[in-house]
Amino acid sequence: MGVSGLDENSKLKIRESTESDRSAIDAIHMNAFGQPEGQEIVDLVNDLLKDETAKPLLSLVAEKDGKLVGHILFTTARLQPGNEETIIRILAPLAVSSENQGEGIGGGLIKEGLKQLAESGVDLVFVLGHPHYYPRFGFQTAGLLGFEAPHTIPSEHADAWMVQALKTGGLAGEKGRIQCSKILDQPQHWRE
């Protein structure tokens, strides 16, 4: 898969992560977020990958010139109260190595992740992230549509809690509080 912004000599490959990618994934998050936040994100990723309540999950890596440069993780969630048939995922976290930011790698990971999730029957995807970045990929403010985050988000950051429907009409009649995996359901993960 090619991503706009990369020069023609650089090939970007997006694939599911493997156990052997774990140390490289840790390094991507440390590089992208720095200390101390990077270590918190590394711990979160490693805990989510082991958390049975986060499954099924989708973990994708971006590989450029044989080196891992990006990672994205989607974990399972439920709507409370809600239709148990509604399949929900939360995007958290997304990281691209600092030297590769601005090359379209994050966008490539998001697009590929959403494509795979849609193909697998997922209805809704939520994210707590930068409100100027994620709307480029179809996300919209979730609170305005009646979806509450697992933990209270300060009103000045309310637009950072976003959702995207992967099926036509996927937002119709749906609203409530999102219940995420055990590991992600900690207040410190819900500050923007």
C-alpha atoms as a PDB file:
ATOM      1  CA  MET A   1       0.000   0.000   0.000  1.00  0.00           C
ATOM      2  CA  GLY A   2       1.405   3.401  -0.908  1.00  0.00           C
ATOM      3  CA  VAL A   3       0.717   6.485   1.162  1.00  0.00           C
ATOM      4  CA  SER A   4       0.722  10.010  -0.222  1.00  0.00           C
ATOM      5  CA  GLY A   5       3.590  12.081   1.079  1.00  0.00           C
ATOM      6  CA  LEU A   6       6.127   9.293   0.834  1.00  0.00           C
ATOM      7  CA  ASP A   7       8.624   9.555  -1.978  1.00  0.00           C
ATOM      8  CA  GLU A   8       8.375   6.951  -4.705  1.00  0.00           C
ATOM      9  CA  ASN A   9      11.524   5.135  -3.588  1.00  0.00           C
ATOM     10  CA  SER A  10      10.085   4.513  -0.113  1.00  0.00           C
ATOM     11  CA  LYS A  11       7.512   1.745   0.124  1.00  0.00           C
ATOM     12  CA  LEU A  12       5.137   1.650   3.038  1.00  0.00           C
ATOM     13  CA  LYS A  13       3.665  -1.663   4.035  1.00  0.00           C
ATOM     14  CA  ILE A  14       0.842  -1.906   6.569  1.00  0.00           C
ATOM     15  CA  ARG A  15       0.252  -5.281   8.182  1.00  0.00           C
ATOM     16  CA  GLU A  16      -1.011  -6.915  11.355  1.00  0.00           C
ATOM     17  CA  SER A  17       1.557  -6.878  14.120  1.00  0.00           C
ATOM     18  CA  THR A  18       3.165 -10.047  15.420  1.00  0.00           C
ATOM     19  CA  GLU A  19       4.665 -10.980  18.766  1.00  0.00           C
ATOM     20  CA  SER A  20       8.137 -10.409  17.296  1.00  0.00           C
ATOM     21  CA  ASP A  21       7.194  -6.756  16.616  1.00  0.00           C
ATOM     22  CA  ARG A  22       6.611  -5.952  20.293  1.00  0.00           C
ATOM     23  CA  SER A  23       9.967  -4.307  21.079  1.00  0.00           C
ATOM     24  CA  ALA A  24       9.828  -2.245  17.869  1.00  0.00           C
ATOM     25  CA  ILE A  25       6.255  -1.163  18.732  1.00  0.00           C
ATOM     26  CA  ASP A  26       7.469  -0.089  22.192  1.00  0.00           C
ATOM     27  CA  ALA A  27      10.252   1.922  20.568  1.00  0.00           C
ATOM     28  CA  ILE A  28       7.799   3.670  18.202  1.00  0.00           C
ATOM     29  CA  HIS A  29       5.629   4.822  21.108  1.00  0.00           C
ATOM     30  CA  MET A  30       8.636   5.945  23.172  1.00  0.00           C
ATOM     31  CA  ASN A  31      10.004   7.867  20.200  1.00  0.00           C
ATOM     32  CA  ALA A  32       6.658   9.457  19.300  1.00  0.00           C
ATOM     33  CA  PHE A  33       5.602  10.486  22.813  1.00  0.00           C
ATOM     34  CA  GLY A  34       8.889  10.922  24.705  1.00  0.00           C
ATOM     35  CA  GLN A  35       9.247  10.599  28.494  1.00  0.00           C
ATOM     36  CA  PRO A  36       7.250  10.189  30.690  1.00  0.00           C
ATOM     37  CA  GLU A  37       4.185   9.841  28.428  1.00  0.00           C
ATOM     38  CA  GLY A  38       5.908   7.365  26.113  1.00  0.00           C
ATOM     39  CA  GLN A  39       6.414   4.844  28.910  1.00  0.00           C
ATOM     40  CA  GLU A  40       2.744   5.214  29.942  1.00  0.00           C
ATOM     41  CA  ILE A  41       1.679   4.488  26.342  1.00  0.00           C
ATOM     42  CA  VAL A  42       4.080   1.518  26.075  1.00  0.00           C
ATOM     43  CA  ASP A  43       2.634   0.078  29.286  1.00  0.00           C
ATOM     44  CA  LEU A  44      -0.907   0.700  28.017  1.00  0.00           C
ATOM     45  CA  VAL A  45      -0.245  -1.068  24.703  1.00  0.00           C
ATOM     46  CA  ASN A  46       1.402  -4.060  26.371  1.00  0.00           C
ATOM     47  CA  ASP A  47      -1.399  -4.332  28.929  1.00  0.00           C
ATOM     48  CA  LEU A  48      -4.100  -4.022  26.239  1.00  0.00           C
ATOM     49  CA  LEU A  49      -2.493  -6.756  24.149  1.00  0.00           C
ATOM     50  CA  LYS A  50      -2.799  -9.086  27.177  1.00  0.00           C
ATOM     51  CA  ASP A  51      -6.261  -7.882  28.317  1.00  0.00           C
ATOM     52  CA  GLU A  52      -8.935 -10.475  27.469  1.00  0.00           C
ATOM     53  CA  THR A  53     -11.637  -7.778  27.781  1.00  0.00           C
ATOM     54  CA  ALA A  54      -9.934  -5.790  24.971  1.00  0.00           C
ATOM     55  CA  LYS A  55     -10.417  -8.603  22.465  1.00  0.00           C
ATOM     56  CA  PRO A  56     -11.046  -8.986  19.667  1.00  0.00           C
ATOM     57  CA  LEU A  57      -8.487  -6.351  18.816  1.00  0.00           C
ATOM     58  CA  LEU A  58      -6.701  -5.148  15.708  1.00  0.00           C
ATOM     59  CA  SER A  59      -3.025  -4.180  15.971  1.00  0.00           C
ATOM     60  CA  LEU A  60      -1.413  -2.828  12.782  1.00  0.00           C
ATOM     61  CA  VAL A  61       2.132  -1.679  12.076  1.00  0.00           C
ATOM     62  CA  ALA A  62       3.538   0.459   9.291  1.00  0.00           C
ATOM     63  CA  GLU A  63       6.833  -0.704   7.831  1.00  0.00           C
ATOM     64  CA  LYS A  64       8.970   1.627   5.704  1.00  0.00           C
ATOM     65  CA  ASP A  65      12.143   0.377   4.061  1.00  0.00           C
ATOM     66  CA  GLY A  66      12.102  -2.687   6.322  1.00  0.00           C
ATOM     67  CA  LYS A  67      11.795  -0.697   9.567  1.00  0.00           C
ATOM     68  CA  LEU A  68       8.659  -0.341  11.719  1.00  0.00           C
ATOM     69  CA  VAL A  69       7.699   3.345  11.859  1.00  0.00           C
ATOM     70  CA  GLY A  70       4.064   3.360  13.024  1.00  0.00           C
ATOM     71  CA  HIS A  71       1.540   1.467  15.135  1.00  0.00           C
ATOM     72  CA  ILE A  72      -2.218   1.618  15.699  1.00  0.00           C
ATOM     73  CA  LEU A  73      -4.391  -0.393  18.061  1.00  0.00           C
ATOM     74  CA  PHE A  74      -8.167  -0.897  18.070  1.00  0.00           C
ATOM     75  CA  THR A  75      -9.792  -2.680  21.037  1.00  0.00           C
ATOM     76  CA  THR A  76     -13.343  -3.801  21.693  1.00  0.00           C
ATOM     77  CA  ALA A  77     -16.005  -1.777  23.531  1.00  0.00           C
ATOM     78  CA  ARG A  78     -19.748  -1.922  24.210  1.00  0.00           C
ATOM     79  CA  LEU A  79     -22.590   0.574  24.345  1.00  0.00           C
ATOM     80  CA  GLN A  80     -24.384   0.880  27.718  1.00  0.00           C
ATOM     81  CA  PRO A  81     -27.315   0.614  27.652  1.00  0.00           C
ATOM     82  CA  GLY A  82     -27.435  -0.500  24.104  1.00  0.00           C
ATOM     83  CA  ASN A  83     -27.933  -3.007  21.433  1.00  0.00           C
ATOM     84  CA  GLU A  84     -25.604  -5.948  22.128  1.00  0.00           C
ATOM     85  CA  GLU A  85     -25.472  -6.518  18.377  1.00  0.00           C
ATOM     86  CA  THR A  86     -23.716  -3.170  17.808  1.00  0.00           C
ATOM     87  CA  ILE A  87     -20.023  -3.949  17.306  1.00  0.00           C
ATOM     88  CA  ILE A  88     -17.751  -1.201  18.620  1.00  0.00           C
ATOM     89  CA  ARG A  89     -13.999  -0.565  18.696  1.00  0.00           C
ATOM     90  CA  ILE A  90     -11.868   2.178  20.248  1.00  0.00           C
ATOM     91  CA  LEU A  91      -8.775   3.489  18.482  1.00  0.00           C
ATOM     92  CA  ALA A  92      -6.047   3.921  21.092  1.00  0.00           C
ATOM     93  CA  PRO A  93      -3.225   4.544  20.678  1.00  0.00           C
ATOM     94  CA  LEU A  94      -1.772   5.674  17.356  1.00  0.00           C
ATOM     95  CA  ALA A  95       1.927   6.523  17.047  1.00  0.00           C
ATOM     96  CA  VAL A  96       4.387   7.330  14.275  1.00  0.00           C
ATOM     97  CA  SER A  97       8.136   7.691  14.885  1.00  0.00           C
ATOM     98  CA  SER A  98       9.002  11.379  15.178  1.00  0.00           C
ATOM     99  CA  GLU A  99      11.317  11.302  12.144  1.00  0.00           C
ATOM    100  CA  ASN A 100       8.467   9.954   9.995  1.00  0.00           C
ATOM    101  CA  GLN A 101       5.654  12.226  11.150  1.00  0.00           C
ATOM    102  CA  GLY A 102       4.024  14.339   8.456  1.00  0.00           C
ATOM    103  CA  GLU A 103       4.514  11.646   5.796  1.00  0.00           C
ATOM    104  CA  GLY A 104       0.928  10.340   5.851  1.00  0.00           C
ATOM    105  CA  ILE A 105       1.796   7.186   7.794  1.00  0.00           C
ATOM    106  CA  GLY A 106      -0.706   7.820  10.601  1.00  0.00           C
ATOM    107  CA  GLY A 107      -3.436   8.426   8.052  1.00  0.00           C
ATOM    108  CA  GLY A 108      -2.492   5.244   6.222  1.00  0.00           C
ATOM    109  CA  LEU A 109      -2.767   3.252   9.457  1.00  0.00           C
ATOM    110  CA  ILE A 110      -6.155   4.797  10.278  1.00  0.00           C
ATOM    111  CA  LYS A 111      -7.554   4.150   6.786  1.00  0.00           C
ATOM    112  CA  GLU A 112      -6.329   0.552   6.671  1.00  0.00           C
ATOM    113  CA  GLY A 113      -7.616  -0.110  10.189  1.00  0.00           C
ATOM    114  CA  LEU A 114     -11.057   1.316   9.404  1.00  0.00           C
ATOM    115  CA  LYS A 115     -11.186  -0.685   6.162  1.00  0.00           C
ATOM    116  CA  GLN A 116     -10.373  -3.954   7.940  1.00  0.00           C
ATOM    117  CA  LEU A 117     -12.826  -3.211  10.748  1.00  0.00           C
ATOM    118  CA  ALA A 118     -15.609  -2.410   8.282  1.00  0.00           C
ATOM    119  CA  GLU A 119     -14.909  -5.659   6.417  1.00  0.00           C
ATOM    120  CA  SER A 120     -15.118  -7.590   9.706  1.00  0.00           C
ATOM    121  CA  GLY A 121     -18.559  -6.148  10.536  1.00  0.00           C
ATOM    122  CA  VAL A 122     -17.667  -3.411  13.056  1.00  0.00           C
ATOM    123  CA  ASP A 123     -20.371  -0.722  13.309  1.00  0.00           C
ATOM    124  CA  LEU A 124     -18.759   2.155  15.244  1.00  0.00           C
ATOM    125  CA  VAL A 125     -15.211   3.295  16.016  1.00  0.00           C
ATOM    126  CA  PHE A 126     -14.443   5.818  18.775  1.00  0.00           C
ATOM    127  CA  VAL A 127     -11.296   7.829  19.490  1.00  0.00           C
ATOM    128  CA  LEU A 128     -10.136  10.398  22.025  1.00  0.00           C
ATOM    129  CA  GLY A 129      -7.739  12.474  19.985  1.00  0.00           C
ATOM    130  CA  HIS A 130      -6.890  15.726  18.286  1.00  0.00           C
ATOM    131  CA  PRO A 131     -10.115  17.286  16.958  1.00  0.00           C
ATOM    132  CA  HIS A 132      -8.275  18.823  14.003  1.00  0.00           C
ATOM    133  CA  TYR A 133      -6.703  15.533  12.895  1.00  0.00           C
ATOM    134  CA  TYR A 134      -9.273  12.734  13.120  1.00  0.00           C
ATOM    135  CA  PRO A 135     -12.166  14.482  11.294  1.00  0.00           C
ATOM    136  CA  ARG A 136     -10.027  14.182   8.117  1.00  0.00           C
ATOM    137  CA  PHE A 137     -10.753  10.458   8.327  1.00  0.00           C
ATOM    138  CA  GLY A 138     -14.508  10.746   8.906  1.00  0.00           C
ATOM    139  CA  PHE A 139     -14.674  11.098  12.699  1.00  0.00           C
ATOM    140  CA  GLN A 140     -17.177  13.500  14.260  1.00  0.00           C
ATOM    141  CA  THR A 141     -17.821  14.744  17.785  1.00  0.00           C
ATOM    142  CA  ALA A 142     -19.376  11.836  19.676  1.00  0.00           C
ATOM    143  CA  GLY A 143     -20.912  13.818  22.556  1.00  0.00           C
ATOM    144  CA  LEU A 144     -23.060  15.832  20.146  1.00  0.00           C
ATOM    145  CA  LEU A 145     -24.450  12.518  18.856  1.00  0.00           C
ATOM    146  CA  GLY A 146     -25.325  11.199  22.326  1.00  0.00           C
ATOM    147  CA  PHE A 147     -22.266   9.044  23.061  1.00  0.00           C
ATOM    148  CA  GLU A 148     -20.598   9.449  26.455  1.00  0.00           C
ATOM    149  CA  ALA A 149     -16.952   8.541  26.980  1.00  0.00           C
ATOM    150  CA  PRO A 150     -16.087   5.899  29.604  1.00  0.00           C
ATOM    151  CA  HIS A 151     -14.878   8.733  31.875  1.00  0.00           C
ATOM    152  CA  THR A 152     -15.820  12.410  32.007  1.00  0.00           C
ATOM    153  CA  ILE A 153     -13.953  14.563  29.553  1.00  0.00           C
ATOM    154  CA  PRO A 154     -13.586  18.254  30.506  1.00  0.00           C
ATOM    155  CA  SER A 155     -15.948  20.452  28.498  1.00  0.00           C
ATOM    156  CA  GLU A 156     -13.040  22.330  26.895  1.00  0.00           C
ATOM    157  CA  HIS A 157     -11.940  19.022  25.321  1.00  0.00           C
ATOM    158  CA  ALA A 158     -15.400  17.625  24.515  1.00  0.00           C
ATOM    159  CA  ASP A 159     -14.727  17.783  20.770  1.00  0.00           C
ATOM    160  CA  ALA A 160     -11.753  15.400  21.213  1.00  0.00           C
ATOM    161  CA  TRP A 161     -14.164  12.476  21.889  1.00  0.00           C
ATOM    162  CA  MET A 162     -15.136  11.324  18.390  1.00  0.00           C
ATOM    163  CA  VAL A 163     -16.954   8.543  16.572  1.00  0.00           C
ATOM    164  CA  GLN A 164     -17.239   7.176  13.065  1.00  0.00           C
ATOM    165  CA  ALA A 165     -19.929   4.872  11.726  1.00  0.00           C
ATOM    166  CA  LEU A 166     -18.543   2.212   9.395  1.00  0.00           C
ATOM    167  CA  LYS A 167     -21.988   1.234   8.074  1.00  0.00           C
ATOM    168  CA  THR A 168     -24.569   3.479   6.434  1.00  0.00           C
ATOM    169  CA  GLY A 169     -27.036   4.605   9.080  1.00  0.00           C
ATOM    170  CA  GLY A 170     -24.769   3.236  11.800  1.00  0.00           C
ATOM    171  CA  LEU A 171     -25.408   6.177  14.123  1.00  0.00           C
ATOM    172  CA  ALA A 172     -29.202   6.113  13.771  1.00  0.00           C
ATOM    173  CA  GLY A 173     -30.921   5.464  17.082  1.00  0.00           C
ATOM    174  CA  GLU A 174     -27.672   4.693  18.900  1.00  0.00           C
ATOM    175  CA  LYS A 175     -26.617   6.562  22.030  1.00  0.00           C
ATOM    176  CA  GLY A 176     -25.324   5.864  25.505  1.00  0.00           C
ATOM    177  CA  ARG A 177     -22.100   5.450  27.460  1.00  0.00           C
ATOM    178  CA  ILE A 178     -19.200   3.508  25.983  1.00  0.00           C
ATOM    179  CA  GLN A 179     -17.821   0.709  28.133  1.00  0.00           C
ATOM    180  CA  CYS A 180     -14.260  -0.102  27.139  1.00  0.00           C
ATOM    181  CA  SER A 181     -11.851  -2.865  28.126  1.00  0.00           C
ATOM    182  CA  LYS A 182     -10.715  -3.230  31.728  1.00  0.00           C
ATOM    183  CA  ILE A 183      -7.222  -1.821  31.075  1.00  0.00           C
ATOM    184  CA  LEU A 184      -8.442   1.177  29.065  1.00  0.00           C
ATOM    185  CA  ASP A 185     -11.156   1.924  31.646  1.00  0.00           C
ATOM    186  CA  GLN A 186      -8.811   3.963  33.868  1.00  0.00           C
ATOM    187  CA  PRO A 187      -9.336   7.738  34.320  1.00  0.00           C
ATOM    188  CA  GLN A 188      -5.730   8.602  33.400  1.00  0.00           C
ATOM    189  CA  HIS A 189      -6.302   7.294  29.851  1.00  0.00           C
ATOM    190  CA  TRP A 190      -9.183   9.727  29.293  1.00  0.00           C
ATOM    191  CA  ARG A 191      -7.448  13.061  29.536  1.00  0.00           C
ATOM    192  CA  GLU A 192      -6.871  14.798  26.244  1.00  0.00           C
END
